[in-house]
Amino acid sequence: MNLEEKLEFFKVLVAIGFKEIEIGFPAASETEYEFCRALIEQDLIPDDVTIQVLTQSREHIIKKTFEALAGAKHAVVHLYNSTSVAQREQVFRKPKNEIIDIAVEGAKLLKEYREKTPGDFKFEYSPESFTGTEPEFALEICNAVLDVWQPTPDDKVIINLPVTVEMSLPHVYASQVEYMCKNMVNRENVIVSLHPHNDR
C-alpha cells in the first residue's frame, strides 16, 4: 500500500473501534517511516488508541524507530531477533550466548530511548521463529530480556511467541506456549501474545 492507502486503512480501523493498532516497521522503508510520522503530525491517533511498531534488535534501526515515534502519546515498541536453530547456524553463524547478547543489547537500548523520548511507551519482545527454537533456549532469551526490562504491575511487557514458519501441529505449539507460561520469570507482569499461522 502507498501512504494514502495506509492512512485510509488506519482511519477505518479507528472507526471500527480498534484500540491497539500495529502500524508497521518505520525503519524498514521511507513509506513506513512517513506513515508513522503522518499519523503523529496530522494528529490522526485518538488519545485512547495505542500504535505499535516493529524493530529489529539493531542499534541504528532502534534509533530510527524512536525518531519515527517522536510526538506519539502512546506506543508499543516491539523488539525481535532471530533465535531458531536454522537462523543461528545458517544466517548469523553465532552461538546461543551471542544471540542472547543481541536481544539484551536491544532491550537496553529501548529502555535508554524511552527515558529520553516523551510519551507513554510499552515494550514487547519476540524470539523470532519461536517454534523453531529449543524451548529451553527460548525461555532463556526471553528471561534475559525480562531481566533488563524489569516489568511491574504498572509497566507490564508483552512477550510474543510467534510461529514465524509453520513447522508442527497445533498441539505442539500449545505445549511450547504452556512451557513458557509456566517457567517465565516475573510472569505476573508479562502479557503473553501469540502469533500463529494456519498454513499447513
Foldseek 3Di string as FASTA:
>chain_A
DALVVLLVVVLVCVVVPAQEEEQEQLLPDVRSLVNLQCCQVVVVRDPRHEYEYEFELDVVSVVSVLVSCARPAHYEYEYEDEAAPCCCVPPVVHDLVVSLVSLLSSLLSVVVSVVVGDHHYAYEYEHPCLVRHDLVSRQVSQQSSCVSVVFDQVHAHEYEYENNDDDDDPVSVVVSVVVNCVDHPPNVRYHYHYHYDDDD
